[in-house]
Amino acid sequence: MIKNYNDFIAALLDAGFSGAVGGKEDGVFALFRYGWGAEDETGIVWHTGDPDTDPWEWRTRVLDERDDIAYSKVFFKKAGYITKEWYPYFLAARRRGRTFKRDYSDGNEQAECIRPFSTAYSDGAVSHFAKRIYDVVYENDSLPLDEIKRLAGFGREDKSKFGAALTELQMKLYLTMCGKQHKISQNGGEYGWASTMFCTTELFWGEDVFEQAVGISADEAAEKITEQIFKLNPSAQKKKIEKFIRG
């Protein structure tokens, strides 16, 4: 039974991955169900603001305090967690050896460990809108959401296109959330709501995770993840498992 943040971390590291919230429509695996200010069947209480017992707060704690867990929109276009141990398998299943950028004008081959494969964009595996977002994040290492919109040239009328493209990049494991940032006033003080930060998955994890992924075939990765899912949820449906794995 998960009662606090430490319980959650221990359970997540053991499971390897989890939806951020559970629901009947997904039906694969989540460590807990979503409940608004009331106990669910696990005993967890949501939206209290307590960083130790509120799962809503654990999303940012994971990104702020750990380097072995990623949190982003990775399952069914919804948020979820994947540990460092299991990330190479999801990379292998979803990116199938593709890298987004192949050539670097400055000669720096940062995390370019899978450059023999054709690029995702030239293959038509990602949209033009997704490429616009990826380019500005890549060029700036990490950016808050509002700055991504501005630098990539998305206006208010492009809200749905921007949201869909950003989700696409997270689902295909090219971008991931990497924290939050407040706007800074002229006096140097923080103000307003914190904005979600995004960076490339290569920057988030470093080379090691990607080198591991290169040595795993897409089918091998899917088989490994499926085996783990059935351990976690023996009643999971095969069609949903496939979508959970492939994105």
C-alpha atoms as a PDB file:
ATOM      1  CA  MET A   1       0.000   0.000   0.000  1.00  0.00           C
ATOM      2  CA  ILE A   2       1.450   3.340  -1.075  1.00  0.00           C
ATOM      3  CA  LYS A   3       1.057   5.906   1.686  1.00  0.00           C
ATOM      4  CA  ASN A   4       3.792   8.428   0.948  1.00  0.00           C
ATOM      5  CA  TYR A   5       6.466   9.550  -1.501  1.00  0.00           C
ATOM      6  CA  ASN A   6       9.064   7.019  -0.366  1.00  0.00           C
ATOM      7  CA  ASP A   7       6.546   4.177  -0.752  1.00  0.00           C
ATOM      8  CA  PHE A   8       5.784   5.443  -4.253  1.00  0.00           C
ATOM      9  CA  ILE A   9       9.448   5.606  -5.294  1.00  0.00           C
ATOM     10  CA  ALA A  10      10.118   2.098  -4.000  1.00  0.00           C
ATOM     11  CA  ALA A  11       7.078   0.713  -5.827  1.00  0.00           C
ATOM     12  CA  LEU A  12       7.917   2.555  -9.050  1.00  0.00           C
ATOM     13  CA  LEU A  13      11.526   1.370  -9.111  1.00  0.00           C
ATOM     14  CA  ASP A  14      10.280  -2.166  -8.601  1.00  0.00           C
ATOM     15  CA  ALA A  15       7.639  -1.891 -11.345  1.00  0.00           C
ATOM     16  CA  GLY A  16       9.809   0.037 -13.806  1.00  0.00           C
ATOM     17  CA  PHE A  17       6.999   2.140 -15.263  1.00  0.00           C
ATOM     18  CA  SER A  18       3.515   3.354 -14.406  1.00  0.00           C
ATOM     19  CA  GLY A  19       0.760   5.558 -15.642  1.00  0.00           C
ATOM     20  CA  ALA A  20       0.563   8.698 -13.532  1.00  0.00           C
ATOM     21  CA  VAL A  21      -3.079   7.888 -12.875  1.00  0.00           C
ATOM     22  CA  GLY A  22      -5.085   4.753 -13.411  1.00  0.00           C
ATOM     23  CA  GLY A  23      -8.363   4.413 -15.264  1.00  0.00           C
ATOM     24  CA  LYS A  24     -10.593   1.759 -16.776  1.00  0.00           C
ATOM     25  CA  GLU A  25     -10.080   3.227 -20.240  1.00  0.00           C
ATOM     26  CA  ASP A  26      -6.363   2.453 -20.113  1.00  0.00           C
ATOM     27  CA  GLY A  27      -6.381  -0.838 -18.277  1.00  0.00           C
ATOM     28  CA  VAL A  28      -2.657  -1.626 -18.407  1.00  0.00           C
ATOM     29  CA  PHE A  29      -0.860  -0.503 -15.259  1.00  0.00           C
ATOM     30  CA  ALA A  30      -0.789   2.389 -12.820  1.00  0.00           C
ATOM     31  CA  LEU A  31       0.354   2.330  -9.226  1.00  0.00           C
ATOM     32  CA  PHE A  32      -2.736   4.232  -8.115  1.00  0.00           C
ATOM     33  CA  ARG A  33      -6.018   5.667  -9.300  1.00  0.00           C
ATOM     34  CA  TYR A  34      -6.850   9.336  -9.453  1.00  0.00           C
ATOM     35  CA  GLY A  35      -8.967  10.830  -6.689  1.00  0.00           C
ATOM     36  CA  TRP A  36      -9.695  14.485  -6.040  1.00  0.00           C
ATOM     37  CA  GLY A  37      -9.237  15.313  -2.371  1.00  0.00           C
ATOM     38  CA  ALA A  38     -10.585  11.987  -1.176  1.00  0.00           C
ATOM     39  CA  GLU A  39      -9.111   8.598  -0.480  1.00  0.00           C
ATOM     40  CA  ASP A  40      -9.163   6.092  -3.314  1.00  0.00           C
ATOM     41  CA  GLU A  41      -8.856   2.329  -2.834  1.00  0.00           C
ATOM     42  CA  THR A  42      -5.137   2.709  -2.114  1.00  0.00           C
ATOM     43  CA  GLY A  43      -5.724   5.215   0.678  1.00  0.00           C
ATOM     44  CA  ILE A  44      -3.960   8.034  -1.171  1.00  0.00           C
ATOM     45  CA  VAL A  45      -5.367  11.554  -0.877  1.00  0.00           C
ATOM     46  CA  TRP A  46      -4.851  13.869  -3.859  1.00  0.00           C
ATOM     47  CA  HIS A  47      -4.454  17.671  -4.073  1.00  0.00           C
ATOM     48  CA  THR A  48      -3.700  18.375  -0.448  1.00  0.00           C
ATOM     49  CA  GLY A  49      -0.445  20.138  -1.345  1.00  0.00           C
ATOM     50  CA  ASP A  50       1.532  17.892   0.992  1.00  0.00           C
ATOM     51  CA  PRO A  51       4.735  16.880  -0.872  1.00  0.00           C
ATOM     52  CA  ASP A  52       5.012  13.659   1.130  1.00  0.00           C
ATOM     53  CA  THR A  53       1.490  12.304   0.643  1.00  0.00           C
ATOM     54  CA  ASP A  54      -0.019  14.056  -2.396  1.00  0.00           C
ATOM     55  CA  PRO A  55       0.719  12.266  -5.706  1.00  0.00           C
ATOM     56  CA  TRP A  56       0.179  15.539  -7.586  1.00  0.00           C
ATOM     57  CA  GLU A  57       3.290  16.881  -5.866  1.00  0.00           C
ATOM     58  CA  TRP A  58       5.351  13.770  -6.570  1.00  0.00           C
ATOM     59  CA  ARG A  59       5.580  14.636 -10.283  1.00  0.00           C
ATOM     60  CA  THR A  60       7.837  17.621  -9.599  1.00  0.00           C
ATOM     61  CA  ARG A  61       9.650  15.946  -6.702  1.00  0.00           C
ATOM     62  CA  VAL A  62      10.733  13.133  -9.006  1.00  0.00           C
ATOM     63  CA  LEU A  63      12.175  15.592 -11.531  1.00  0.00           C
ATOM     64  CA  ASP A  64      13.770  17.812  -8.897  1.00  0.00           C
ATOM     65  CA  GLU A  65      15.263  15.137  -6.676  1.00  0.00           C
ATOM     66  CA  ARG A  66      16.097  12.119  -8.843  1.00  0.00           C
ATOM     67  CA  ASP A  67      18.006  11.306 -12.005  1.00  0.00           C
ATOM     68  CA  ASP A  68      16.692   7.777 -12.563  1.00  0.00           C
ATOM     69  CA  ILE A  69      13.005   8.474 -13.280  1.00  0.00           C
ATOM     70  CA  ALA A  70      11.414  10.325 -16.188  1.00  0.00           C
ATOM     71  CA  TYR A  71       7.927  11.824 -16.031  1.00  0.00           C
ATOM     72  CA  SER A  72       6.120  12.982 -19.164  1.00  0.00           C
ATOM     73  CA  LYS A  73       3.200  12.198 -21.483  1.00  0.00           C
ATOM     74  CA  VAL A  74       4.310   8.720 -22.452  1.00  0.00           C
ATOM     75  CA  PHE A  75       1.262   6.427 -22.189  1.00  0.00           C
ATOM     76  CA  PHE A  76      -1.970   6.874 -24.149  1.00  0.00           C
ATOM     77  CA  LYS A  77      -1.047  10.569 -24.622  1.00  0.00           C
ATOM     78  CA  LYS A  78      -1.223  10.938 -20.857  1.00  0.00           C
ATOM     79  CA  ALA A  79       1.414  11.397 -18.201  1.00  0.00           C
ATOM     80  CA  GLY A  80       3.395   8.506 -16.838  1.00  0.00           C
ATOM     81  CA  TYR A  81       6.685   7.448 -15.277  1.00  0.00           C
ATOM     82  CA  ILE A  82       9.503   5.337 -16.732  1.00  0.00           C
ATOM     83  CA  THR A  83      12.629   4.423 -14.763  1.00  0.00           C
ATOM     84  CA  LYS A  84      16.146   4.531 -16.143  1.00  0.00           C
ATOM     85  CA  GLU A  85      16.300   0.732 -16.121  1.00  0.00           C
ATOM     86  CA  TRP A  86      13.324   0.431 -18.478  1.00  0.00           C
ATOM     87  CA  TYR A  87      13.746   3.534 -20.635  1.00  0.00           C
ATOM     88  CA  PRO A  88      16.092   1.819 -23.154  1.00  0.00           C
ATOM     89  CA  TYR A  89      13.373  -0.745 -23.894  1.00  0.00           C
ATOM     90  CA  PHE A  90      10.776   1.928 -24.603  1.00  0.00           C
ATOM     91  CA  LEU A  91      13.303   3.804 -26.759  1.00  0.00           C
ATOM     92  CA  ALA A  92      13.966   0.651 -28.754  1.00  0.00           C
ATOM     93  CA  ALA A  93      10.255  -0.054 -29.173  1.00  0.00           C
ATOM     94  CA  ARG A  94       9.240   3.466 -30.172  1.00  0.00           C
ATOM     95  CA  ARG A  95      12.179   5.086 -31.913  1.00  0.00           C
ATOM     96  CA  ARG A  96      13.469   1.929 -33.623  1.00  0.00           C
ATOM     97  CA  GLY A  97      16.994   3.299 -33.885  1.00  0.00           C
ATOM     98  CA  ARG A  98      15.989   6.696 -35.246  1.00  0.00           C
ATOM     99  CA  THR A  99      17.642   9.867 -34.057  1.00  0.00           C
ATOM    100  CA  PHE A 100      16.183  13.315 -34.625  1.00  0.00           C
ATOM    101  CA  LYS A 101      19.359  15.198 -35.522  1.00  0.00           C
ATOM    102  CA  ARG A 102      22.281  13.708 -37.384  1.00  0.00           C
ATOM    103  CA  ASP A 103      24.603  16.615 -38.194  1.00  0.00           C
ATOM    104  CA  TYR A 104      25.910  19.273 -35.824  1.00  0.00           C
ATOM    105  CA  SER A 105      27.259  22.521 -37.248  1.00  0.00           C
ATOM    106  CA  ASP A 106      29.612  22.976 -34.313  1.00  0.00           C
ATOM    107  CA  GLY A 107      31.019  19.446 -34.646  1.00  0.00           C
ATOM    108  CA  ASN A 108      29.681  18.425 -31.255  1.00  0.00           C
ATOM    109  CA  GLU A 109      28.174  14.928 -31.380  1.00  0.00           C
ATOM    110  CA  GLN A 110      26.395  15.078 -28.035  1.00  0.00           C
ATOM    111  CA  ALA A 111      24.667  11.770 -27.331  1.00  0.00           C
ATOM    112  CA  GLU A 112      24.728  11.046 -31.077  1.00  0.00           C
ATOM    113  CA  CYS A 113      25.234   7.349 -30.511  1.00  0.00           C
ATOM    114  CA  ILE A 114      22.669   6.154 -33.074  1.00  0.00           C
ATOM    115  CA  ARG A 115      23.568   8.387 -36.027  1.00  0.00           C
ATOM    116  CA  PRO A 116      23.868   5.499 -38.561  1.00  0.00           C
ATOM    117  CA  PHE A 117      20.060   5.438 -38.732  1.00  0.00           C
ATOM    118  CA  SER A 118      17.989   7.830 -40.814  1.00  0.00           C
ATOM    119  CA  THR A 119      16.461  10.810 -39.103  1.00  0.00           C
ATOM    120  CA  ALA A 120      12.891  10.718 -37.891  1.00  0.00           C
ATOM    121  CA  TYR A 121      11.883  13.840 -39.759  1.00  0.00           C
ATOM    122  CA  SER A 122      13.288  12.795 -43.118  1.00  0.00           C
ATOM    123  CA  ASP A 123      11.514   9.461 -42.664  1.00  0.00           C
ATOM    124  CA  GLY A 124       8.221  11.260 -42.137  1.00  0.00           C
ATOM    125  CA  ALA A 125       7.982   9.803 -38.628  1.00  0.00           C
ATOM    126  CA  VAL A 126       7.329  13.197 -37.017  1.00  0.00           C
ATOM    127  CA  SER A 127       5.292  16.195 -38.100  1.00  0.00           C
ATOM    128  CA  HIS A 128       6.501  19.606 -39.244  1.00  0.00           C
ATOM    129  CA  PHE A 129       4.985  21.223 -36.144  1.00  0.00           C
ATOM    130  CA  ALA A 130       6.846  18.745 -33.944  1.00  0.00           C
ATOM    131  CA  LYS A 131      10.113  19.576 -35.680  1.00  0.00           C
ATOM    132  CA  ARG A 132       9.610  23.308 -35.036  1.00  0.00           C
ATOM    133  CA  ILE A 133       9.215  22.600 -31.325  1.00  0.00           C
ATOM    134  CA  TYR A 134      12.098  20.146 -31.179  1.00  0.00           C
ATOM    135  CA  ASP A 135      14.492  22.530 -32.922  1.00  0.00           C
ATOM    136  CA  VAL A 136      14.040  25.377 -30.424  1.00  0.00           C
ATOM    137  CA  VAL A 137      14.299  23.059 -27.414  1.00  0.00           C
ATOM    138  CA  TYR A 138      17.387  21.359 -28.823  1.00  0.00           C
ATOM    139  CA  GLU A 139      19.073  24.688 -29.555  1.00  0.00           C
ATOM    140  CA  ASN A 140      18.436  25.980 -26.022  1.00  0.00           C
ATOM    141  CA  ASP A 141      19.026  22.763 -24.024  1.00  0.00           C
ATOM    142  CA  SER A 142      15.827  23.262 -22.024  1.00  0.00           C
ATOM    143  CA  LEU A 143      12.938  25.718 -22.200  1.00  0.00           C
ATOM    144  CA  PRO A 144       9.732  26.519 -20.311  1.00  0.00           C
ATOM    145  CA  LEU A 145       6.462  25.926 -22.143  1.00  0.00           C
ATOM    146  CA  ASP A 146       5.676  29.578 -22.840  1.00  0.00           C
ATOM    147  CA  GLU A 147       9.140  30.185 -24.331  1.00  0.00           C
ATOM    148  CA  ILE A 148       8.821  27.141 -26.582  1.00  0.00           C
ATOM    149  CA  LYS A 149       5.593  28.571 -27.999  1.00  0.00           C
ATOM    150  CA  ARG A 150       7.139  31.981 -28.562  1.00  0.00           C
ATOM    151  CA  LEU A 151      10.416  30.830 -30.101  1.00  0.00           C
ATOM    152  CA  ALA A 152       8.757  28.224 -32.296  1.00  0.00           C
ATOM    153  CA  GLY A 153       6.307  30.819 -33.606  1.00  0.00           C
ATOM    154  CA  PHE A 154       3.043  29.390 -32.284  1.00  0.00           C
ATOM    155  CA  GLY A 155       0.255  31.904 -31.690  1.00  0.00           C
ATOM    156  CA  ARG A 156      -3.004  31.614 -29.804  1.00  0.00           C
ATOM    157  CA  GLU A 157      -4.717  30.329 -32.925  1.00  0.00           C
ATOM    158  CA  ASP A 158      -2.228  27.424 -32.991  1.00  0.00           C
ATOM    159  CA  LYS A 159      -3.042  26.124 -29.511  1.00  0.00           C
ATOM    160  CA  SER A 160      -4.350  22.729 -30.649  1.00  0.00           C
ATOM    161  CA  LYS A 161      -1.518  22.213 -33.155  1.00  0.00           C
ATOM    162  CA  PHE A 162       1.069  23.102 -30.531  1.00  0.00           C
ATOM    163  CA  GLY A 163      -0.449  20.804 -27.913  1.00  0.00           C
ATOM    164  CA  ALA A 164      -0.696  17.881 -30.314  1.00  0.00           C
ATOM    165  CA  ALA A 165       2.886  18.319 -31.553  1.00  0.00           C
ATOM    166  CA  LEU A 166       4.290  18.594 -28.033  1.00  0.00           C
ATOM    167  CA  THR A 167       2.452  15.440 -27.002  1.00  0.00           C
ATOM    168  CA  GLU A 168       3.725  13.711 -30.148  1.00  0.00           C
ATOM    169  CA  LEU A 169       7.343  14.487 -29.207  1.00  0.00           C
ATOM    170  CA  GLN A 170       6.841  13.167 -25.684  1.00  0.00           C
ATOM    171  CA  MET A 171       5.078  10.007 -26.848  1.00  0.00           C
ATOM    172  CA  LYS A 172       7.869   9.286 -29.340  1.00  0.00           C
ATOM    173  CA  LEU A 173      10.452   9.949 -26.609  1.00  0.00           C
ATOM    174  CA  TYR A 174      12.191  12.901 -28.257  1.00  0.00           C
ATOM    175  CA  LEU A 175      11.303  15.435 -25.542  1.00  0.00           C
ATOM    176  CA  THR A 176      10.613  14.976 -21.851  1.00  0.00           C
ATOM    177  CA  MET A 177       9.632  17.164 -18.922  1.00  0.00           C
ATOM    178  CA  CYS A 178      12.607  18.217 -16.844  1.00  0.00           C
ATOM    179  CA  GLY A 179      11.221  20.480 -14.115  1.00  0.00           C
ATOM    180  CA  LYS A 180       9.356  23.752 -13.636  1.00  0.00           C
ATOM    181  CA  GLN A 181      10.332  27.403 -13.814  1.00  0.00           C
ATOM    182  CA  HIS A 182       8.648  30.629 -12.678  1.00  0.00           C
ATOM    183  CA  LYS A 183       8.784  33.856 -14.622  1.00  0.00           C
ATOM    184  CA  ILE A 184      11.241  36.381 -13.191  1.00  0.00           C
ATOM    185  CA  SER A 185      10.255  40.010 -12.639  1.00  0.00           C
ATOM    186  CA  GLN A 186      12.515  43.024 -13.288  1.00  0.00           C
ATOM    187  CA  ASN A 187      13.296  42.989  -9.570  1.00  0.00           C
ATOM    188  CA  GLY A 188      14.519  39.417  -9.780  1.00  0.00           C
ATOM    189  CA  GLY A 189      11.568  37.845  -7.997  1.00  0.00           C
ATOM    190  CA  GLU A 190       9.488  34.883  -9.140  1.00  0.00           C
ATOM    191  CA  TYR A 191       5.862  35.458 -10.067  1.00  0.00           C
ATOM    192  CA  GLY A 192       2.876  33.679 -11.592  1.00  0.00           C
ATOM    193  CA  TRP A 193       2.343  29.960 -12.101  1.00  0.00           C
ATOM    194  CA  ALA A 194       5.403  27.802 -12.676  1.00  0.00           C
ATOM    195  CA  SER A 195       5.828  26.708 -16.290  1.00  0.00           C
ATOM    196  CA  THR A 196       6.801  23.147 -17.223  1.00  0.00           C
ATOM    197  CA  MET A 197      10.340  22.811 -18.592  1.00  0.00           C
ATOM    198  CA  PHE A 198      11.183  20.509 -21.490  1.00  0.00           C
ATOM    199  CA  CYS A 199      14.480  19.139 -22.772  1.00  0.00           C
ATOM    200  CA  THR A 200      15.545  16.425 -25.194  1.00  0.00           C
ATOM    201  CA  THR A 201      15.577  12.902 -23.842  1.00  0.00           C
ATOM    202  CA  GLU A 202      19.268  12.708 -24.834  1.00  0.00           C
ATOM    203  CA  LEU A 203      20.059  15.652 -22.568  1.00  0.00           C
ATOM    204  CA  PHE A 204      17.905  14.264 -19.771  1.00  0.00           C
ATOM    205  CA  TRP A 205      19.492  10.800 -19.730  1.00  0.00           C
ATOM    206  CA  GLY A 206      22.911  11.130 -21.337  1.00  0.00           C
ATOM    207  CA  GLU A 207      24.571   8.623 -23.652  1.00  0.00           C
ATOM    208  CA  ASP A 208      24.358   5.478 -21.525  1.00  0.00           C
ATOM    209  CA  VAL A 209      20.609   4.950 -21.897  1.00  0.00           C
ATOM    210  CA  PHE A 210      20.774   5.428 -25.668  1.00  0.00           C
ATOM    211  CA  GLU A 211      23.746   3.115 -26.077  1.00  0.00           C
ATOM    212  CA  GLN A 212      21.754   0.424 -24.297  1.00  0.00           C
ATOM    213  CA  ALA A 213      18.755   1.046 -26.568  1.00  0.00           C
ATOM    214  CA  VAL A 214      20.833   0.592 -29.718  1.00  0.00           C
ATOM    215  CA  GLY A 215      21.565  -2.994 -28.690  1.00  0.00           C
ATOM    216  CA  ILE A 216      17.884  -3.913 -28.280  1.00  0.00           C
ATOM    217  CA  SER A 217      15.589  -4.733 -31.184  1.00  0.00           C
ATOM    218  CA  ALA A 218      12.048  -3.330 -31.243  1.00  0.00           C
ATOM    219  CA  ASP A 219      10.545  -6.818 -30.981  1.00  0.00           C
ATOM    220  CA  GLU A 220      12.853  -7.804 -28.131  1.00  0.00           C
ATOM    221  CA  ALA A 221      11.914  -4.613 -26.284  1.00  0.00           C
ATOM    222  CA  ALA A 222       8.187  -5.198 -26.761  1.00  0.00           C
ATOM    223  CA  GLU A 223       8.498  -8.773 -25.511  1.00  0.00           C
ATOM    224  CA  LYS A 224      10.414  -7.673 -22.409  1.00  0.00           C
ATOM    225  CA  ILE A 225       7.932  -4.924 -21.537  1.00  0.00           C
ATOM    226  CA  THR A 226       4.936  -7.195 -22.181  1.00  0.00           C
ATOM    227  CA  GLU A 227       6.361  -9.796 -19.811  1.00  0.00           C
ATOM    228  CA  GLN A 228       6.727  -7.158 -17.106  1.00  0.00           C
ATOM    229  CA  ILE A 229       3.206  -5.821 -17.683  1.00  0.00           C
ATOM    230  CA  PHE A 230       1.687  -9.263 -17.180  1.00  0.00           C
ATOM    231  CA  LYS A 231       3.603  -9.565 -13.911  1.00  0.00           C
ATOM    232  CA  LEU A 232       2.123  -6.256 -12.801  1.00  0.00           C
ATOM    233  CA  ASN A 233      -1.348  -6.784 -14.251  1.00  0.00           C
ATOM    234  CA  PRO A 234      -2.168 -10.351 -15.395  1.00  0.00           C
ATOM    235  CA  SER A 235      -5.549  -9.195 -16.760  1.00  0.00           C
ATOM    236  CA  ALA A 236      -4.118  -6.529 -19.097  1.00  0.00           C
ATOM    237  CA  GLN A 237      -5.489  -6.767 -22.643  1.00  0.00           C
ATOM    238  CA  LYS A 238      -3.036  -7.458 -25.468  1.00  0.00           C
ATOM    239  CA  LYS A 239      -4.331  -4.664 -27.731  1.00  0.00           C
ATOM    240  CA  LYS A 240      -3.942  -2.116 -24.971  1.00  0.00           C
ATOM    241  CA  ILE A 241      -0.513  -3.471 -24.081  1.00  0.00           C
ATOM    242  CA  GLU A 242       0.619  -2.980 -27.681  1.00  0.00           C
ATOM    243  CA  LYS A 243      -0.530   0.646 -27.635  1.00  0.00           C
ATOM    244  CA  PHE A 244       1.036   1.161 -24.206  1.00  0.00           C
ATOM    245  CA  ILE A 245       4.401  -0.048 -25.528  1.00  0.00           C
ATOM    246  CA  ARG A 246       4.473   1.415 -29.044  1.00  0.00           C
ATOM    247  CA  GLY A 247       2.903   4.748 -28.178  1.00  0.00           C
END
